[in-house]
Protein backbone atom coordinates (compact mmCIF):
# COMPACT_ATOMS: atom_id res chain seq x y z
CA MET A 1 44.21 41.58 26.84
CA LYS A 2 41.24 39.67 27.35
CA ARG A 3 38.53 41.62 29.65
CA GLU A 4 37.76 38.42 31.67
CA TYR A 5 40.17 35.67 32.50
CA ASP A 6 39.01 32.29 33.78
CA LEU A 7 41.04 31.43 37.17
CA SER A 8 38.65 28.92 38.32
CA LYS A 9 41.04 26.09 37.57
CA GLY A 10 44.09 28.06 38.86
CA THR A 11 46.17 26.84 42.11
CA ARG A 12 47.99 28.49 44.37
CA GLY A 13 51.73 28.11 45.13
CA ALA A 14 54.59 28.11 43.35
CA VAL A 15 55.15 27.88 39.91
CA VAL A 16 58.24 25.62 40.29
CA PRO A 17 58.24 23.53 43.39
CA LEU A 18 61.32 23.53 45.32
CA PRO A 19 63.23 20.43 45.77
CA PRO A 20 63.12 18.38 48.84
CA GLU A 21 66.53 19.71 50.02
CA LYS A 22 65.77 23.00 49.70
CA ILE A 23 63.46 25.25 52.21
CA ARG A 24 61.87 28.66 51.70
CA ILE A 25 62.94 31.26 54.80
CA THR A 26 62.75 34.86 55.20
CA ILE A 27 65.83 36.10 56.02
CA ARG A 28 67.15 39.62 56.95
CA LEU A 29 70.37 40.77 55.95
CA ASP A 30 72.56 44.02 55.44
CA ARG A 31 71.98 45.55 52.26
CA ASP A 32 75.83 45.62 51.65
CA ILE A 33 75.94 42.06 51.71
CA VAL A 34 73.10 41.25 49.37
CA ASP A 35 74.83 44.17 47.07
CA HIS A 36 77.65 42.22 47.20
CA PHE A 37 76.74 39.18 46.25
CA ARG A 38 74.43 40.44 43.31
CA GLU A 39 77.80 42.42 41.93
CA LEU A 40 79.16 38.91 41.92
CA VAL A 41 76.43 37.67 39.76
CA GLY A 42 76.34 41.30 37.57
CA ARG A 43 79.96 40.57 36.69
CA ALA A 44 80.06 37.13 35.52
CA HIS A 45 76.69 38.08 34.16
CA ARG A 46 75.27 34.58 35.47
CA GLY A 47 73.93 32.72 38.21
CA ASN A 48 72.07 33.84 41.36
CA TYR A 49 72.83 35.48 44.42
CA GLN A 50 71.06 33.81 46.78
CA THR A 51 73.05 30.42 45.39
CA LEU A 52 76.60 32.41 45.96
CA ILE A 53 75.18 33.13 49.57
CA ASN A 54 74.33 29.50 50.00
CA ASN A 55 77.50 28.80 48.77
CA ALA A 56 79.41 31.06 50.95
CA LEU A 57 77.24 29.69 54.20
CA ARG A 58 78.41 26.10 53.06
CA GLU A 59 81.89 27.03 52.85
CA HIS A 60 81.79 28.42 56.33
CA MET A 61 80.12 25.73 58.01
CA GLN A 62 82.86 23.30 56.43
CA ARG A 63 85.96 25.52 57.63
CA PRO A 64 86.76 24.59 61.30
CA SER A 65 86.35 26.56 64.33
CA LEU A 66 88.58 29.22 65.53
CA ALA A 67 89.20 26.68 68.84
CA GLN A 68 90.03 23.85 66.75
CA GLU A 69 92.65 25.95 64.68
CA VAL A 70 94.22 26.80 68.08
CA GLY A 71 93.84 23.35 69.50
CA LYS A 72 96.00 22.02 66.50
CA GLU A 73 98.31 24.88 67.09
CA VAL A 74 98.90 24.19 70.98
CA ARG A 75 99.17 20.71 70.26
CA SER A 76 101.89 21.16 67.53
CA VAL A 77 103.92 23.17 69.72
CA LEU A 78 103.61 21.07 72.90
CA ARG A 79 104.70 18.36 70.53
CA GLU A 80 107.70 20.20 69.66
CA GLU A 81 108.75 21.28 73.12
CA LEU A 82 108.31 17.55 74.47
CA ARG A 83 110.81 16.24 72.10
CA GLY A 84 113.10 18.94 72.76
CA ILE A 85 112.77 17.71 76.45
CA LYS A 86 113.31 14.16 75.44
CA ALA A 87 116.26 15.01 73.67
CA SER A 88 118.12 16.61 75.95
CA ALA A 89 117.04 14.08 78.98
C-alpha cells in the first residue's frame, strides 16, 4: 500500500450508475424475510436477494386483489342461480 493516494480527481457517487428505471431507497424489513430471500440465493448459488424481493413484490402487484376474486366468484354464483330461475320459469 502507498503511504499517500492522490484523490484529487476522484468523484463521489455510485461506482456503477443505476439504470433509469431503478431507484435507491431505504426500507426496513423483518430479519426473517431478508434471511429467507438470502437463503434462497444461497441454495441456488447465484442471484441477488434484492432482485428476488423485487420479483416477489411485482408478482404481488399483478395478482388480483381479494375483492376482485370475491366479486368474480359472486358474479359466477349469481349467473348460475339466474340460469336455474330462467329454466324453471
